[in-house]
Amino acid sequence: MATTVVTQRSVETLSLGGRPASHHLRTARDTTARLVEHVLTTTECRDLTDAGGRSAVAEITERCVALAADVLDSGCQPCVSDLSRLKHAATKWARKGVPLAPIQHAFHEGFSVGLRMVAGRAVDGEHAALVDGAVLMFGLLDAVSEAVSSAYLDEYRAVASQHHELAHAMVTALLAGDPDGAGIAERIGLKPASGYEVVAVHFPQHPTEDADFSLQRIHAAVTHFFAPDAPLAILSTSGGTILVPDPTATSVEELVAALSSAAGQQISASAVMSLPERIPDAADNAYELLRLAQRLNYQPAVYRIADLALEFQIARPGVGQRHLQRLLDPLRRIPDLLPTLEAFVHTEANRKKAAKQLVVHPNTVDYRLKRIEQITGIDPMKSSGLRSLHAALIADHLDPKRSA
């Protein structure tokens, strides 16, 4: 907040060139127009250069010229009420979403030209008066910048808080199947998407970083991500749900990469595309996929149903699942057979890689695979046999009794 009154000079009105330093600001008809034109030609911000923006810039420039003239005449900086119009304009810019940087740049450009106009009236022997005038103008710029910035940021925080609360309510409504989700979207200025990719995410505990601090950085990453629109999220320190509206083919992967960078470690996620009215079911499926990937100790990545179709189906309880689980029972009685089968599957049937992983000779892997065929009647060296044994391993890992 700008100080109410700061006396810079208590003597007679500051003069330059035999006239009050404020004379040119008060009498020249084109002063405001020149300043406005300069500001608009030195900014690329469309919110300031369109019709509405030009009108606002002209109004604020006129007010700043009047303030500058008063400061030069009185030697005193403006009080809070004198800056109210500028603060009101700042709140309007914040609500409209105009970036703060070009606003600050516009004020500095305007004051630079205004200072040159005042200084241009000085004559020889007026060095001290010229310095006094510059000090007053810089003081006014400081007061104006502080008032505008603080009003802008206060309004921005209020709007952001309200937007966050409504966005949270929108996600909650969509996840609950509440039809009011579309109405909430309209109230916060969002266009309801034709479809959403429902993303379930898990945040592993960081080995050295506080969980709340990590979550703040993850929230910031979500806020600044557009693909092509901003995602909506409900997150906790352990994970949560993100809705990506009308995503591109790579939106979710790019989002998860950004979250992993913010978290400082790789994040596991699953994604299911859905129509707005089917989001609750999609969220259930997404979380089931994520749990599958975690229970099977899969590497952190983005998993979709196409990636885990086999695992997803095997996880359904029934006769088929029980049959698959029993296939491996005979192998449990002989050491090294199950680990060898797992290594062979995980290395995509590469004997040498499996042997390296097990720290044995490839011939040992061949011998053990042959024993597996003799015991189970299924040949892991054939693609059909390997598929069956892979499915059996998945069912085995998903059995809570065996993993206990």
Protein backbone atom coordinates (compact mmCIF):
# COMPACT_ATOMS: atom_id res chain seq x y z
CA MET A 1 0.00 0.00 0.00
CA ALA A 2 1.37 3.43 -0.92
CA THR A 3 2.06 5.83 1.95
CA THR A 4 -0.65 8.42 2.37
CA VAL A 5 1.52 11.57 2.22
CA VAL A 6 5.24 11.80 1.63
CA THR A 7 6.55 15.37 1.58
CA GLN A 8 9.40 15.78 -0.87
CA ARG A 9 9.58 19.60 -0.90
CA SER A 10 7.94 22.15 1.36
CA VAL A 11 9.11 25.26 -0.51
CA GLU A 12 7.55 27.05 -3.49
CA THR A 13 6.24 25.19 -6.53
CA LEU A 14 9.01 23.55 -8.55
CA SER A 15 9.86 25.62 -11.62
CA LEU A 16 11.68 24.79 -14.82
CA GLY A 17 12.33 27.25 -17.64
CA GLY A 18 10.62 30.08 -15.79
CA ARG A 19 7.32 28.24 -15.39
CA PRO A 20 5.92 25.61 -13.03
CA ALA A 21 7.36 22.21 -13.94
CA SER A 22 3.77 20.97 -14.23
CA HIS A 23 2.86 23.63 -16.83
CA HIS A 24 3.37 21.49 -19.90
CA LEU A 25 1.51 18.57 -18.34
CA ARG A 26 -1.50 20.74 -17.51
CA THR A 27 -1.75 22.85 -20.65
CA ALA A 28 -0.51 20.84 -23.63
CA ARG A 29 -3.58 19.31 -25.28
CA ASP A 30 -1.68 16.48 -26.87
CA THR A 31 0.19 15.37 -23.71
CA THR A 32 -2.13 12.48 -22.87
CA ALA A 33 -2.49 11.45 -26.51
CA ARG A 34 1.31 11.32 -26.97
CA LEU A 35 1.76 9.23 -23.86
CA VAL A 36 -1.04 6.84 -24.84
CA GLU A 37 0.36 6.39 -28.33
CA HIS A 38 3.82 5.69 -26.96
CA VAL A 39 2.54 3.12 -24.47
CA LEU A 40 0.46 1.31 -27.09
CA THR A 41 3.31 1.16 -29.61
CA THR A 42 5.70 -0.33 -27.05
CA THR A 43 3.48 -3.23 -25.95
CA GLU A 44 2.37 -6.41 -27.70
CA CYS A 45 -0.34 -7.15 -25.13
CA ARG A 46 -3.61 -7.34 -27.09
CA ASP A 47 -5.64 -6.74 -23.94
CA LEU A 48 -4.13 -3.25 -23.85
CA THR A 49 -4.22 -2.49 -27.57
CA ASP A 50 -7.76 -3.56 -28.51
CA ALA A 51 -10.63 -1.05 -28.38
CA GLY A 52 -11.45 -1.65 -24.72
CA GLY A 53 -7.79 -1.67 -23.76
CA ARG A 54 -7.03 1.61 -25.54
CA SER A 55 -9.89 3.29 -23.71
CA ALA A 56 -8.62 2.04 -20.33
CA VAL A 57 -5.03 3.08 -21.13
CA ALA A 58 -6.21 6.57 -22.14
CA GLU A 59 -8.22 6.95 -18.92
CA ILE A 60 -5.36 5.79 -16.70
CA THR A 61 -2.83 7.92 -18.56
CA GLU A 62 -4.98 11.01 -18.06
CA ARG A 63 -5.15 10.24 -14.34
CA CYS A 64 -1.38 9.70 -14.08
CA VAL A 65 -0.69 13.02 -15.89
CA ALA A 66 -2.93 14.81 -13.37
CA LEU A 67 -1.19 13.06 -10.45
CA ALA A 68 2.24 13.98 -11.84
CA ALA A 69 1.25 17.62 -12.17
CA ASP A 70 -0.10 17.71 -8.60
CA VAL A 71 3.08 16.10 -7.25
CA LEU A 72 5.32 18.56 -9.06
CA ASP A 73 3.26 21.49 -7.74
CA SER A 74 2.88 20.29 -4.15
CA GLY A 75 6.05 18.29 -3.60
CA CYS A 76 3.88 15.61 -1.96
CA GLN A 77 3.14 12.09 -3.10
CA PRO A 78 -0.54 11.11 -3.54
CA CYS A 79 -2.65 9.72 -0.70
CA VAL A 80 -4.53 6.40 -0.88
CA SER A 81 -7.75 7.92 -2.19
CA ASP A 82 -5.86 9.65 -5.02
CA LEU A 83 -4.79 6.23 -6.31
CA SER A 84 -8.22 4.59 -6.11
CA ARG A 85 -8.94 4.84 -9.85
CA LEU A 86 -5.66 3.16 -10.67
CA LYS A 87 -6.31 0.37 -8.16
CA HIS A 88 -9.80 -0.14 -9.58
CA ALA A 89 -8.34 -0.48 -13.07
CA ALA A 90 -5.81 -3.00 -11.75
CA THR A 91 -8.56 -5.18 -10.27
CA LYS A 92 -10.42 -5.12 -13.60
CA TRP A 93 -7.24 -6.19 -15.43
CA ALA A 94 -6.73 -9.02 -12.92
CA ARG A 95 -10.30 -10.29 -13.38
CA LYS A 96 -9.89 -10.13 -17.14
CA GLY A 97 -6.64 -12.10 -16.95
CA VAL A 98 -4.35 -9.41 -18.38
CA PRO A 99 -0.74 -10.31 -17.42
CA LEU A 100 0.83 -8.05 -14.81
CA ALA A 101 4.19 -7.67 -16.59
CA PRO A 102 2.92 -5.66 -19.61
CA ILE A 103 0.83 -3.51 -17.26
CA GLN A 104 3.92 -2.60 -15.23
CA HIS A 105 5.89 -2.05 -18.44
CA ALA A 106 3.20 0.32 -19.72
CA PHE A 107 3.39 2.46 -16.58
CA HIS A 108 7.18 2.65 -16.76
CA GLU A 109 7.10 3.62 -20.43
CA GLY A 110 4.51 6.30 -19.77
CA PHE A 111 6.47 7.77 -16.87
CA SER A 112 9.70 7.76 -18.91
CA VAL A 113 8.12 9.86 -21.65
CA GLY A 114 6.43 12.11 -19.08
CA LEU A 115 9.73 12.72 -17.31
CA ARG A 116 11.41 13.65 -20.60
CA MET A 117 8.60 16.11 -21.34
CA VAL A 118 9.09 17.80 -17.98
CA ALA A 119 12.90 17.76 -18.16
CA GLY A 120 12.82 19.21 -21.66
CA ARG A 121 11.68 22.55 -20.21
CA ALA A 122 14.79 22.97 -18.06
CA VAL A 123 17.39 25.64 -18.89
CA ASP A 124 20.99 26.20 -17.81
CA GLY A 125 21.41 26.62 -14.07
CA GLU A 126 18.37 24.49 -13.14
CA HIS A 127 20.24 21.28 -12.37
CA ALA A 128 19.04 21.15 -8.75
CA ALA A 129 15.42 21.76 -9.74
CA LEU A 130 15.69 19.11 -12.45
CA VAL A 131 16.97 16.58 -9.91
CA ASP A 132 14.13 17.49 -7.54
CA GLY A 133 11.61 16.96 -10.33
CA ALA A 134 13.10 13.59 -11.23
CA VAL A 135 13.02 12.49 -7.59
CA LEU A 136 9.35 13.46 -7.35
CA MET A 137 8.48 11.62 -10.56
CA PHE A 138 10.35 8.48 -9.48
CA GLY A 139 8.57 8.64 -6.12
CA LEU A 140 5.23 8.85 -7.90
CA LEU A 141 6.13 5.91 -10.13
CA ASP A 142 6.98 3.89 -7.02
CA ALA A 143 3.68 4.78 -5.34
CA VAL A 144 1.69 4.02 -8.49
CA SER A 145 3.51 0.72 -9.14
CA GLU A 146 2.97 -0.44 -5.58
CA ALA A 147 -0.72 0.49 -5.59
CA VAL A 148 -1.40 -1.14 -8.96
CA SER A 149 0.61 -4.29 -8.22
CA SER A 150 -0.89 -4.87 -4.77
CA ALA A 151 -4.45 -4.30 -6.01
CA TYR A 152 -3.85 -6.59 -9.00
CA LEU A 153 -2.34 -9.40 -6.91
CA ASP A 154 -5.06 -9.17 -4.23
CA GLU A 155 -7.76 -9.50 -6.87
CA TYR A 156 -5.83 -12.22 -8.72
CA ARG A 157 -5.56 -14.29 -5.53
CA ALA A 158 -9.26 -13.83 -4.82
CA VAL A 159 -10.24 -14.84 -8.35
CA ALA A 160 -7.81 -17.78 -8.32
CA SER A 161 -9.17 -18.99 -4.97
CA GLN A 162 -12.75 -18.79 -6.20
CA HIS A 163 -11.80 -20.47 -9.48
CA HIS A 164 -10.00 -23.27 -7.60
CA GLU A 165 -13.00 -23.89 -5.35
CA LEU A 166 -15.40 -23.99 -8.30
CA ALA A 167 -13.03 -26.18 -10.32
CA HIS A 168 -12.82 -28.56 -7.34
CA ALA A 169 -16.62 -28.60 -7.18
CA MET A 170 -16.79 -29.29 -10.92
CA VAL A 171 -14.43 -32.27 -10.68
CA THR A 172 -16.37 -33.61 -7.70
CA ALA A 173 -19.64 -33.26 -9.60
CA LEU A 174 -18.28 -34.99 -12.71
CA LEU A 175 -16.80 -37.85 -10.69
CA ALA A 176 -20.07 -38.29 -8.86
CA GLY A 177 -22.13 -38.22 -12.06
CA ASP A 178 -23.83 -35.00 -10.96
CA PRO A 179 -25.30 -33.20 -14.02
CA ASP A 180 -24.54 -29.85 -12.38
CA GLY A 181 -20.92 -30.19 -13.56
CA ALA A 182 -21.70 -28.41 -16.83
CA GLY A 183 -23.36 -25.55 -14.95
CA ILE A 184 -20.32 -25.11 -12.73
CA ALA A 185 -18.08 -25.05 -15.81
CA GLU A 186 -20.07 -22.17 -17.26
CA ARG A 187 -19.85 -20.22 -13.98
CA ILE A 188 -16.05 -20.33 -14.01
CA GLY A 189 -15.83 -19.53 -17.69
CA LEU A 190 -14.89 -23.02 -18.86
CA LYS A 191 -16.36 -24.59 -21.94
CA PRO A 192 -17.57 -28.10 -21.07
CA ALA A 193 -15.48 -30.64 -22.96
CA SER A 194 -16.97 -33.21 -25.30
CA GLY A 195 -14.80 -35.81 -23.64
CA TYR A 196 -12.27 -36.20 -20.84
CA GLU A 197 -9.34 -38.49 -20.24
CA VAL A 198 -9.71 -39.60 -16.65
CA VAL A 199 -6.25 -39.97 -15.13
CA ALA A 200 -5.54 -41.74 -11.84
CA VAL A 201 -2.12 -40.84 -10.44
CA HIS A 202 0.01 -42.15 -7.59
CA PHE A 203 2.74 -40.06 -5.95
CA PRO A 204 5.39 -42.20 -4.24
CA GLN A 205 6.79 -40.73 -1.06
CA HIS A 206 9.87 -38.66 -1.82
CA PRO A 207 12.91 -39.98 0.05
CA THR A 208 14.06 -36.54 1.24
CA GLU A 209 11.36 -33.97 0.48
CA ASP A 210 8.35 -32.96 2.57
CA ALA A 211 5.14 -34.36 1.04
CA ASP A 212 3.20 -31.09 1.33
CA PHE A 213 5.97 -29.14 -0.39
CA SER A 214 6.12 -31.71 -3.18
CA LEU A 215 2.33 -31.47 -3.59
CA GLN A 216 2.56 -27.68 -3.95
CA ARG A 217 4.96 -28.08 -6.86
CA ILE A 218 2.73 -30.74 -8.43
CA HIS A 219 -0.30 -28.44 -8.11
CA ALA A 220 1.68 -25.67 -9.80
CA ALA A 221 2.59 -28.03 -12.65
CA VAL A 222 -1.09 -28.92 -13.16
CA THR A 223 -2.10 -25.24 -13.07
CA HIS A 224 0.40 -24.28 -15.76
CA PHE A 225 -0.34 -27.23 -18.05
CA PHE A 226 -2.57 -26.79 -21.11
CA ALA A 227 -3.38 -29.66 -23.48
CA PRO A 228 -5.00 -27.72 -25.14
CA ASP A 229 -7.11 -26.66 -22.12
CA ALA A 230 -6.26 -26.68 -18.44
CA PRO A 231 -6.84 -30.00 -16.64
CA LEU A 232 -9.02 -30.26 -13.53
CA ALA A 233 -7.66 -32.09 -10.53
CA ILE A 234 -8.35 -33.36 -7.04
CA LEU A 235 -5.01 -34.27 -5.49
CA SER A 236 -3.56 -35.31 -2.15
CA THR A 237 -0.01 -36.09 -1.09
CA SER A 238 -0.44 -39.71 -2.23
CA GLY A 239 -2.17 -39.09 -5.58
CA GLY A 240 -5.58 -38.29 -6.97
CA THR A 241 -7.69 -37.81 -10.07
CA ILE A 242 -7.10 -35.48 -13.01
CA LEU A 243 -9.56 -34.78 -15.81
CA VAL A 244 -7.91 -33.73 -19.08
CA PRO A 245 -10.51 -32.08 -21.36
CA ASP A 246 -10.51 -32.95 -25.08
CA PRO A 247 -6.91 -34.24 -24.97
CA THR A 248 -4.53 -34.76 -27.84
CA ALA A 249 -2.91 -38.15 -28.40
CA THR A 250 0.03 -37.24 -26.15
CA SER A 251 -1.60 -34.92 -23.60
CA VAL A 252 -1.61 -37.35 -20.69
CA GLU A 253 1.97 -38.51 -21.24
CA GLU A 254 3.13 -34.89 -21.39
CA LEU A 255 1.16 -34.03 -18.25
CA VAL A 256 2.56 -36.99 -16.29
CA ALA A 257 6.07 -36.09 -17.45
CA ALA A 258 5.53 -32.55 -16.13
CA LEU A 259 4.24 -33.91 -12.80
CA SER A 260 7.19 -36.30 -12.54
CA SER A 261 9.56 -33.40 -13.11
CA ALA A 262 7.79 -31.35 -10.43
CA ALA A 263 7.81 -34.27 -7.98
CA GLY A 264 11.44 -35.10 -8.64
CA GLN A 265 10.67 -38.78 -9.31
CA GLN A 266 8.74 -40.95 -11.75
CA ILE A 267 4.97 -41.08 -11.26
CA SER A 268 2.65 -43.98 -12.06
CA ALA A 269 -0.64 -43.19 -13.79
CA SER A 270 -3.48 -44.77 -15.69
CA ALA A 271 -5.84 -43.16 -18.18
CA VAL A 272 -9.31 -43.93 -19.53
CA MET A 273 -11.09 -41.84 -22.17
CA SER A 274 -14.69 -41.02 -21.31
CA LEU A 275 -17.77 -39.02 -22.20
CA PRO A 276 -18.72 -36.54 -19.44
CA GLU A 277 -21.70 -38.61 -18.29
CA ARG A 278 -19.59 -41.77 -17.96
CA ILE A 279 -16.75 -40.32 -15.92
CA PRO A 280 -17.64 -42.19 -12.68
CA ASP A 281 -17.25 -45.59 -14.39
CA ALA A 282 -14.12 -44.42 -16.19
CA ALA A 283 -12.59 -43.33 -12.88
CA ASP A 284 -13.29 -46.76 -11.37
CA ASN A 285 -11.58 -48.44 -14.35
CA ALA A 286 -8.63 -46.04 -14.20
CA TYR A 287 -8.03 -46.81 -10.54
CA GLU A 288 -8.31 -50.54 -11.17
CA LEU A 289 -5.68 -50.25 -13.90
CA LEU A 290 -3.41 -48.26 -11.59
CA ARG A 291 -3.79 -50.82 -8.81
CA LEU A 292 -2.97 -53.61 -11.28
CA ALA A 293 0.24 -51.91 -12.38
CA GLN A 294 1.26 -51.37 -8.76
CA ARG A 295 0.45 -54.91 -7.61
CA LEU A 296 2.44 -56.33 -10.53
CA ASN A 297 5.37 -54.00 -9.74
CA TYR A 298 5.34 -52.53 -13.23
CA GLN A 299 7.62 -49.60 -13.96
CA PRO A 300 6.13 -46.08 -13.53
CA ALA A 301 4.40 -45.07 -16.76
CA VAL A 302 0.98 -44.15 -18.15
CA TYR A 303 -1.12 -47.31 -18.50
CA ARG A 304 -4.28 -47.68 -20.55
CA ILE A 305 -6.60 -50.65 -21.00
CA ALA A 306 -4.75 -51.55 -24.23
CA ASP A 307 -1.56 -51.93 -22.19
CA LEU A 308 -3.12 -54.06 -19.45
CA ALA A 309 -5.97 -55.85 -21.24
CA LEU A 310 -4.62 -59.29 -20.35
CA GLU A 311 -3.95 -58.35 -16.74
CA PHE A 312 -7.32 -56.63 -16.47
CA GLN A 313 -9.16 -59.71 -17.66
CA ILE A 314 -7.14 -62.16 -15.57
CA ALA A 315 -7.89 -60.09 -12.48
CA ARG A 316 -11.60 -60.95 -12.83
CA PRO A 317 -12.40 -63.73 -10.33
CA GLY A 318 -13.75 -66.97 -11.76
CA VAL A 319 -12.95 -70.43 -13.05
CA GLY A 320 -10.34 -69.17 -15.53
CA GLN A 321 -8.39 -67.32 -12.85
CA ARG A 322 -8.38 -70.33 -10.52
CA HIS A 323 -7.20 -72.60 -13.35
CA LEU A 324 -4.30 -70.27 -14.15
CA GLN A 325 -3.26 -70.09 -10.53
CA ARG A 326 -3.14 -73.90 -10.21
CA LEU A 327 -0.86 -74.22 -13.28
CA LEU A 328 2.11 -73.04 -11.26
CA ASP A 329 1.52 -75.12 -8.13
CA PRO A 330 3.81 -78.02 -9.24
CA LEU A 331 6.64 -75.58 -9.95
CA ARG A 332 6.67 -74.31 -6.37
CA ARG A 333 8.11 -77.63 -5.16
CA ILE A 334 11.32 -77.23 -7.19
CA PRO A 335 13.65 -74.31 -6.43
CA ASP A 336 14.58 -71.86 -9.21
CA LEU A 337 11.86 -72.88 -11.69
CA LEU A 338 9.43 -70.04 -10.93
CA PRO A 339 12.18 -67.37 -10.84
CA THR A 340 13.49 -68.68 -14.15
CA LEU A 341 10.03 -68.54 -15.73
CA GLU A 342 9.54 -64.98 -14.46
CA ALA A 343 12.91 -63.86 -15.83
CA PHE A 344 12.18 -65.52 -19.18
CA VAL A 345 8.82 -63.74 -19.43
CA HIS A 346 10.16 -60.34 -18.28
CA THR A 347 12.99 -60.47 -20.83
CA GLU A 348 10.47 -61.25 -23.60
CA ALA A 349 11.70 -64.84 -24.08
CA ASN A 350 15.35 -63.87 -24.44
CA ARG A 351 17.41 -66.74 -23.03
CA LYS A 352 20.66 -64.79 -22.80
CA LYS A 353 19.08 -61.81 -21.03
CA ALA A 354 17.25 -64.14 -18.66
CA ALA A 355 20.48 -65.99 -17.89
CA LYS A 356 22.28 -62.70 -17.23
CA GLN A 357 19.50 -61.57 -14.91
CA LEU A 358 19.64 -64.91 -13.03
CA VAL A 359 23.46 -64.99 -13.10
CA VAL A 360 23.53 -68.47 -14.69
CA HIS A 361 24.62 -69.97 -18.00
CA PRO A 362 22.06 -69.88 -20.88
CA ASN A 363 22.17 -73.68 -20.95
CA THR A 364 20.90 -73.67 -17.38
CA VAL A 365 17.93 -71.57 -18.49
CA ASP A 366 17.27 -74.08 -21.30
CA TYR A 367 17.36 -76.98 -18.84
CA ARG A 368 14.95 -75.29 -16.43
CA LEU A 369 12.53 -74.34 -19.23
CA LYS A 370 12.53 -77.97 -20.34
CA ARG A 371 11.74 -79.06 -16.79
CA ILE A 372 8.84 -76.58 -16.70
CA GLU A 373 7.45 -78.16 -19.86
CA GLN A 374 7.78 -81.66 -18.39
CA ILE A 375 6.04 -80.71 -15.15
CA THR A 376 3.22 -78.50 -16.52
CA GLY A 377 2.77 -79.97 -20.00
CA ILE A 378 3.16 -76.44 -21.42
CA ASP A 379 6.15 -75.53 -23.56
CA PRO A 380 7.39 -72.01 -22.68
CA MET A 381 9.48 -71.97 -25.86
CA LYS A 382 6.31 -71.85 -27.96
CA SER A 383 4.40 -68.58 -28.19
CA SER A 384 1.09 -70.21 -27.19
CA GLY A 385 2.70 -71.89 -24.19
CA LEU A 386 4.48 -68.72 -23.10
CA ARG A 387 1.19 -66.77 -23.25
CA SER A 388 -0.46 -69.32 -20.95
CA LEU A 389 2.39 -69.31 -18.47
CA HIS A 390 2.59 -65.51 -18.54
CA ALA A 391 -1.12 -65.36 -17.74
CA ALA A 392 -0.56 -67.84 -14.91
CA LEU A 393 2.19 -65.64 -13.46
CA ILE A 394 -0.10 -62.61 -13.59
CA ALA A 395 -2.89 -64.51 -11.82
CA ASP A 396 -0.37 -65.70 -9.25
CA HIS A 397 0.86 -62.17 -8.52
CA LEU A 398 -2.71 -60.90 -8.24
CA ASP A 399 -3.71 -63.59 -5.73
CA PRO A 400 -3.76 -61.82 -2.34
CA LYS A 401 -3.14 -65.12 -0.51
CA ARG A 402 0.06 -65.80 -2.46
CA SER A 403 1.34 -62.22 -2.16
CA ALA A 404 0.65 -62.10 1.57
